[in-house]
Amino acid sequence: MIPVPGHARIWIAMDHTDMRKGMPGLARQVQHGLHRDVVAGDLFLFRGRTGSLCKILWHDGIGMSLYAKRLERGRFIWPSAKDGVVSISASALSCLLEGIDWRNPQATWRPRMAG
């Protein structure tokens, strides 16, 4: 799990994002598309068209990190707004990254562990 600092805000980009973008492309999208400061210490979440891949861009004051997570089954639950940016809580982020519907928390499919 990403160590989310207490002062950081978590922003979700509502529009679909080209998942071929790396740090520079996503940082430009934060600055020009979302009109936010990419080095302010906030986390920025992006989702591709299919909804199974999520990327998180975060600058921790030392350097920029890019995290990616792909769900084996299902899709990430995104808020309903059509465009712009929405802020969520750290607990909602935890649910979102686990593939749990943070609006109505219930576990989704998980692969069985060998053993």
N, C-alpha and C. Protein backbone atom coordinates (compact mmCIF):
# COMPACT_ATOMS: atom_id res chain seq x y z
N MET A 1 0.84 -1.18 0.00
CA MET A 1 0.00 0.00 0.00
C MET A 1 0.88 1.24 0.00
N ILE A 2 0.42 2.26 -0.64
CA ILE A 2 1.13 3.52 -0.72
C ILE A 2 1.00 4.24 0.62
N PRO A 3 2.11 4.69 1.20
CA PRO A 3 2.04 5.40 2.49
C PRO A 3 1.51 6.82 2.28
N VAL A 4 0.21 7.01 2.43
CA VAL A 4 -0.42 8.30 2.17
C VAL A 4 -0.20 9.21 3.38
N PRO A 5 0.53 10.33 3.20
CA PRO A 5 0.73 11.26 4.30
C PRO A 5 -0.60 11.89 4.72
N GLY A 6 -0.71 12.26 5.99
CA GLY A 6 -1.95 12.81 6.52
C GLY A 6 -2.39 14.10 5.85
N HIS A 7 -1.45 14.90 5.38
CA HIS A 7 -1.80 16.18 4.76
C HIS A 7 -2.14 16.07 3.27
N ALA A 8 -1.87 14.92 2.67
CA ALA A 8 -2.05 14.76 1.22
C ALA A 8 -3.52 14.60 0.87
N ARG A 9 -3.90 15.20 -0.23
CA ARG A 9 -5.24 15.00 -0.78
C ARG A 9 -5.12 13.99 -1.91
N ILE A 10 -6.18 13.26 -2.14
CA ILE A 10 -6.20 12.23 -3.17
C ILE A 10 -7.20 12.67 -4.23
N TRP A 11 -6.70 12.90 -5.44
CA TRP A 11 -7.52 13.41 -6.53
C TRP A 11 -7.69 12.33 -7.58
N ILE A 12 -8.93 12.16 -8.05
CA ILE A 12 -9.22 11.21 -9.12
C ILE A 12 -9.55 11.99 -10.38
N ALA A 13 -8.82 11.71 -11.45
CA ALA A 13 -9.13 12.29 -12.76
C ALA A 13 -10.35 11.57 -13.31
N MET A 14 -11.40 12.30 -13.58
CA MET A 14 -12.66 11.68 -13.95
C MET A 14 -12.71 11.18 -15.39
N ASP A 15 -11.98 11.80 -16.28
CA ASP A 15 -11.99 11.41 -17.68
C ASP A 15 -11.07 10.20 -17.87
N HIS A 16 -11.28 9.44 -18.94
CA HIS A 16 -10.38 8.32 -19.25
C HIS A 16 -9.02 8.87 -19.64
N THR A 17 -7.98 8.14 -19.25
CA THR A 17 -6.59 8.56 -19.51
C THR A 17 -5.93 7.54 -20.41
N ASP A 18 -5.07 8.01 -21.29
CA ASP A 18 -4.26 7.13 -22.13
C ASP A 18 -3.23 6.47 -21.22
N MET A 19 -3.35 5.18 -21.00
CA MET A 19 -2.49 4.46 -20.06
C MET A 19 -1.08 4.23 -20.61
N ARG A 20 -0.80 4.68 -21.82
CA ARG A 20 0.57 4.62 -22.34
C ARG A 20 1.41 5.75 -21.77
N LYS A 21 0.77 6.75 -21.17
CA LYS A 21 1.49 7.89 -20.59
C LYS A 21 2.30 7.47 -19.38
N GLY A 22 3.47 8.06 -19.27
CA GLY A 22 4.33 7.84 -18.11
C GLY A 22 4.30 9.06 -17.21
N MET A 23 5.35 9.21 -16.39
CA MET A 23 5.41 10.34 -15.46
C MET A 23 5.28 11.71 -16.12
N PRO A 24 6.06 11.99 -17.17
CA PRO A 24 5.97 13.33 -17.77
C PRO A 24 4.58 13.64 -18.34
N GLY A 25 3.99 12.68 -19.04
CA GLY A 25 2.67 12.89 -19.63
C GLY A 25 1.58 13.07 -18.60
N LEU A 26 1.62 12.26 -17.55
CA LEU A 26 0.62 12.38 -16.48
C LEU A 26 0.82 13.67 -15.69
N ALA A 27 2.08 14.06 -15.47
CA ALA A 27 2.35 15.32 -14.76
C ALA A 27 1.80 16.50 -15.56
N ARG A 28 1.96 16.47 -16.89
CA ARG A 28 1.39 17.53 -17.73
C ARG A 28 -0.13 17.54 -17.63
N GLN A 29 -0.73 16.34 -17.58
CA GLN A 29 -2.19 16.26 -17.46
C GLN A 29 -2.66 16.85 -16.13
N VAL A 30 -1.92 16.61 -15.05
CA VAL A 30 -2.26 17.18 -13.75
C VAL A 30 -2.20 18.70 -13.81
N GLN A 31 -1.13 19.23 -14.38
CA GLN A 31 -0.94 20.68 -14.40
C GLN A 31 -1.88 21.38 -15.36
N HIS A 32 -2.04 20.86 -16.57
CA HIS A 32 -2.81 21.56 -17.59
C HIS A 32 -4.27 21.12 -17.66
N GLY A 33 -4.54 19.84 -17.41
CA GLY A 33 -5.90 19.34 -17.51
C GLY A 33 -6.68 19.46 -16.21
N LEU A 34 -6.01 19.13 -15.10
CA LEU A 34 -6.68 19.16 -13.79
C LEU A 34 -6.43 20.47 -13.04
N HIS A 35 -5.48 21.27 -13.53
CA HIS A 35 -5.14 22.57 -12.93
C HIS A 35 -4.74 22.43 -11.46
N ARG A 36 -3.86 21.47 -11.19
CA ARG A 36 -3.34 21.23 -9.84
C ARG A 36 -1.81 21.27 -9.90
N ASP A 37 -1.19 21.45 -8.74
CA ASP A 37 0.27 21.46 -8.63
C ASP A 37 0.74 20.03 -8.41
N VAL A 38 1.46 19.49 -9.37
CA VAL A 38 1.87 18.08 -9.32
C VAL A 38 2.89 17.81 -8.21
N VAL A 39 3.63 18.82 -7.75
CA VAL A 39 4.65 18.61 -6.72
C VAL A 39 4.17 19.04 -5.33
N ALA A 40 2.87 19.20 -5.14
CA ALA A 40 2.33 19.66 -3.86
C ALA A 40 2.23 18.54 -2.82
N GLY A 41 2.51 17.30 -3.22
CA GLY A 41 2.44 16.19 -2.28
C GLY A 41 1.12 15.43 -2.33
N ASP A 42 0.23 15.80 -3.24
CA ASP A 42 -1.05 15.11 -3.40
C ASP A 42 -0.89 13.90 -4.30
N LEU A 43 -1.82 12.96 -4.22
CA LEU A 43 -1.85 11.78 -5.07
C LEU A 43 -2.88 12.00 -6.17
N PHE A 44 -2.53 11.59 -7.38
CA PHE A 44 -3.42 11.76 -8.53
C PHE A 44 -3.66 10.40 -9.16
N LEU A 45 -4.93 9.99 -9.25
CA LEU A 45 -5.31 8.69 -9.79
C LEU A 45 -5.86 8.85 -11.19
N PHE A 46 -5.47 7.91 -12.06
CA PHE A 46 -5.91 7.89 -13.45
C PHE A 46 -6.39 6.49 -13.78
N ARG A 47 -7.42 6.40 -14.62
CA ARG A 47 -7.95 5.10 -15.03
C ARG A 47 -8.08 5.07 -16.54
N GLY A 48 -7.76 3.93 -17.12
CA GLY A 48 -7.87 3.75 -18.56
C GLY A 48 -9.30 3.50 -19.00
N ARG A 49 -9.49 3.34 -20.29
CA ARG A 49 -10.82 3.18 -20.86
C ARG A 49 -11.52 1.91 -20.38
N THR A 50 -10.79 0.80 -20.23
CA THR A 50 -11.43 -0.45 -19.82
C THR A 50 -11.72 -0.49 -18.32
N GLY A 51 -11.02 0.33 -17.53
CA GLY A 51 -11.29 0.40 -16.10
C GLY A 51 -10.55 -0.62 -15.26
N SER A 52 -9.74 -1.47 -15.88
CA SER A 52 -9.04 -2.49 -15.10
C SER A 52 -7.61 -2.07 -14.71
N LEU A 53 -7.13 -0.95 -15.27
CA LEU A 53 -5.79 -0.45 -14.96
C LEU A 53 -5.90 0.93 -14.34
N CYS A 54 -5.16 1.12 -13.27
CA CYS A 54 -5.16 2.39 -12.54
C CYS A 54 -3.70 2.81 -12.34
N LYS A 55 -3.42 4.10 -12.52
CA LYS A 55 -2.09 4.63 -12.25
C LYS A 55 -2.21 5.75 -11.23
N ILE A 56 -1.22 5.83 -10.34
CA ILE A 56 -1.17 6.87 -9.31
C ILE A 56 0.14 7.62 -9.45
N LEU A 57 0.05 8.93 -9.54
CA LEU A 57 1.21 9.79 -9.62
C LEU A 57 1.33 10.54 -8.30
N TRP A 58 2.54 10.54 -7.71
CA TRP A 58 2.73 11.15 -6.41
C TRP A 58 4.13 11.71 -6.29
N HIS A 59 4.23 12.94 -5.86
CA HIS A 59 5.53 13.56 -5.57
C HIS A 59 5.63 13.70 -4.06
N ASP A 60 6.61 13.04 -3.45
CA ASP A 60 6.73 13.00 -1.98
C ASP A 60 7.65 14.08 -1.42
N GLY A 61 8.08 15.03 -2.25
CA GLY A 61 8.99 16.07 -1.79
C GLY A 61 10.42 15.77 -2.17
N ILE A 62 10.72 14.51 -2.44
CA ILE A 62 12.07 14.09 -2.84
C ILE A 62 12.09 13.76 -4.33
N GLY A 63 11.06 13.08 -4.77
CA GLY A 63 10.97 12.69 -6.17
C GLY A 63 9.58 12.22 -6.51
N MET A 64 9.36 11.99 -7.78
CA MET A 64 8.04 11.57 -8.26
C MET A 64 7.99 10.05 -8.37
N SER A 65 6.85 9.48 -8.00
CA SER A 65 6.62 8.04 -8.10
C SER A 65 5.40 7.80 -8.98
N LEU A 66 5.45 6.70 -9.71
CA LEU A 66 4.32 6.28 -10.53
C LEU A 66 4.01 4.84 -10.15
N TYR A 67 2.80 4.64 -9.66
CA TYR A 67 2.34 3.31 -9.29
C TYR A 67 1.29 2.86 -10.29
N ALA A 68 1.27 1.58 -10.59
CA ALA A 68 0.27 1.03 -11.50
C ALA A 68 -0.30 -0.24 -10.89
N LYS A 69 -1.61 -0.43 -11.07
CA LYS A 69 -2.24 -1.66 -10.60
C LYS A 69 -3.28 -2.07 -11.62
N ARG A 70 -3.24 -3.37 -11.98
CA ARG A 70 -4.22 -3.93 -12.90
C ARG A 70 -5.00 -5.01 -12.16
N LEU A 71 -6.31 -4.95 -12.23
CA LEU A 71 -7.16 -5.97 -11.63
C LEU A 71 -7.25 -7.16 -12.58
N GLU A 72 -7.14 -8.36 -12.05
CA GLU A 72 -7.25 -9.56 -12.86
C GLU A 72 -8.67 -9.74 -13.38
N ARG A 73 -9.65 -9.41 -12.54
CA ARG A 73 -11.06 -9.47 -12.94
C ARG A 73 -11.76 -8.25 -12.38
N GLY A 74 -12.74 -7.79 -13.09
CA GLY A 74 -13.52 -6.64 -12.63
C GLY A 74 -12.88 -5.32 -13.04
N ARG A 75 -13.45 -4.25 -12.51
CA ARG A 75 -12.99 -2.90 -12.82
C ARG A 75 -12.88 -2.10 -11.55
N PHE A 76 -12.06 -1.06 -11.61
CA PHE A 76 -11.99 -0.12 -10.50
C PHE A 76 -13.29 0.69 -10.46
N ILE A 77 -13.80 0.90 -9.26
CA ILE A 77 -15.03 1.66 -9.09
C ILE A 77 -14.67 3.14 -9.04
N TRP A 78 -15.14 3.89 -10.01
CA TRP A 78 -14.83 5.31 -10.15
C TRP A 78 -16.08 6.11 -9.82
N PRO A 79 -15.95 7.31 -9.29
CA PRO A 79 -17.13 8.15 -9.04
C PRO A 79 -17.90 8.42 -10.34
N SER A 80 -19.11 8.91 -10.21
CA SER A 80 -20.02 9.06 -11.35
C SER A 80 -19.81 10.30 -12.21
N ALA A 81 -19.12 11.31 -11.72
CA ALA A 81 -18.96 12.55 -12.47
C ALA A 81 -18.35 12.29 -13.85
N LYS A 82 -18.66 13.12 -14.82
CA LYS A 82 -18.22 12.90 -16.20
C LYS A 82 -16.82 13.42 -16.48
N ASP A 83 -16.45 14.56 -15.93
CA ASP A 83 -15.13 15.12 -16.20
C ASP A 83 -14.65 15.93 -15.02
N GLY A 84 -13.42 16.40 -15.10
CA GLY A 84 -12.85 17.17 -14.01
C GLY A 84 -12.08 16.30 -13.05
N VAL A 85 -12.11 16.68 -11.77
CA VAL A 85 -11.35 15.99 -10.74
C VAL A 85 -12.18 15.92 -9.47
N VAL A 86 -12.07 14.83 -8.74
CA VAL A 86 -12.81 14.61 -7.50
C VAL A 86 -11.82 14.18 -6.43
N SER A 87 -12.00 14.64 -5.21
CA SER A 87 -11.15 14.25 -4.09
C SER A 87 -11.82 13.12 -3.30
N ILE A 88 -11.02 12.11 -2.90
CA ILE A 88 -11.54 11.02 -2.07
C ILE A 88 -10.67 10.87 -0.83
N SER A 89 -11.13 10.08 0.13
CA SER A 89 -10.39 9.85 1.37
C SER A 89 -9.38 8.72 1.19
N ALA A 90 -8.46 8.61 2.14
CA ALA A 90 -7.46 7.54 2.11
C ALA A 90 -8.13 6.17 2.24
N SER A 91 -9.19 6.06 3.04
CA SER A 91 -9.88 4.78 3.19
C SER A 91 -10.60 4.40 1.89
N ALA A 92 -11.16 5.39 1.18
CA ALA A 92 -11.79 5.11 -0.12
C ALA A 92 -10.73 4.66 -1.12
N LEU A 93 -9.54 5.25 -1.06
CA LEU A 93 -8.44 4.83 -1.94
C LEU A 93 -8.07 3.37 -1.65
N SER A 94 -7.98 3.00 -0.39
CA SER A 94 -7.64 1.62 -0.04
C SER A 94 -8.66 0.65 -0.62
N CYS A 95 -9.93 0.97 -0.46
CA CYS A 95 -10.98 0.11 -1.02
C CYS A 95 -10.88 0.05 -2.55
N LEU A 96 -10.70 1.20 -3.16
CA LEU A 96 -10.62 1.28 -4.62
C LEU A 96 -9.49 0.39 -5.14
N LEU A 97 -8.31 0.46 -4.52
CA LEU A 97 -7.16 -0.31 -4.98
C LEU A 97 -7.33 -1.81 -4.75
N GLU A 98 -8.19 -2.19 -3.81
CA GLU A 98 -8.46 -3.60 -3.57
C GLU A 98 -9.59 -4.13 -4.44
N GLY A 99 -10.17 -3.25 -5.27
CA GLY A 99 -11.27 -3.67 -6.13
C GLY A 99 -12.59 -3.73 -5.42
N ILE A 100 -12.68 -3.09 -4.27
CA ILE A 100 -13.91 -3.08 -3.48
C ILE A 100 -14.70 -1.83 -3.82
N ASP A 101 -16.00 -1.99 -3.98
CA ASP A 101 -16.86 -0.83 -4.23
C ASP A 101 -16.91 -0.01 -2.95
N TRP A 102 -16.20 1.10 -2.91
CA TRP A 102 -16.07 1.92 -1.71
C TRP A 102 -17.38 2.60 -1.35
N ARG A 103 -18.35 2.59 -2.28
CA ARG A 103 -19.67 3.15 -1.96
C ARG A 103 -20.50 2.15 -1.18
N ASN A 104 -20.22 0.84 -1.35
CA ASN A 104 -20.91 -0.25 -0.67
C ASN A 104 -19.90 -1.37 -0.49
N PRO A 105 -19.00 -1.27 0.52
CA PRO A 105 -17.87 -2.20 0.63
C PRO A 105 -18.28 -3.68 0.74
N GLN A 106 -17.84 -4.44 -0.24
CA GLN A 106 -17.97 -5.90 -0.26
C GLN A 106 -16.77 -6.43 -1.02
N ALA A 107 -16.24 -7.53 -0.58
CA ALA A 107 -15.07 -8.11 -1.25
C ALA A 107 -15.45 -8.59 -2.65
N THR A 108 -14.53 -8.43 -3.60
CA THR A 108 -14.73 -8.93 -4.96
C THR A 108 -13.85 -10.16 -5.16
N TRP A 109 -13.81 -10.68 -6.35
CA TRP A 109 -13.07 -11.88 -6.65
C TRP A 109 -11.61 -11.75 -6.27
N ARG A 110 -11.05 -12.80 -5.70
CA ARG A 110 -9.61 -12.88 -5.39
C ARG A 110 -9.12 -14.25 -5.83
N PRO A 111 -7.91 -14.32 -6.37
CA PRO A 111 -7.37 -15.65 -6.75
C PRO A 111 -7.13 -16.48 -5.49
N ARG A 112 -7.30 -17.77 -5.63
CA ARG A 112 -7.02 -18.66 -4.49
C ARG A 112 -5.53 -18.82 -4.31
N MET A 113 -5.11 -18.82 -3.06
CA MET A 113 -3.70 -19.00 -2.73
C MET A 113 -3.39 -20.50 -2.72
N ALA A 114 -2.28 -20.87 -3.31
CA ALA A 114 -1.88 -22.29 -3.33
C ALA A 114 -1.50 -22.71 -1.91
N GLY A 115 -1.89 -23.89 -1.55
CA GLY A 115 -1.47 -24.33 -0.23
C GLY A 115 -2.30 -25.26 0.43
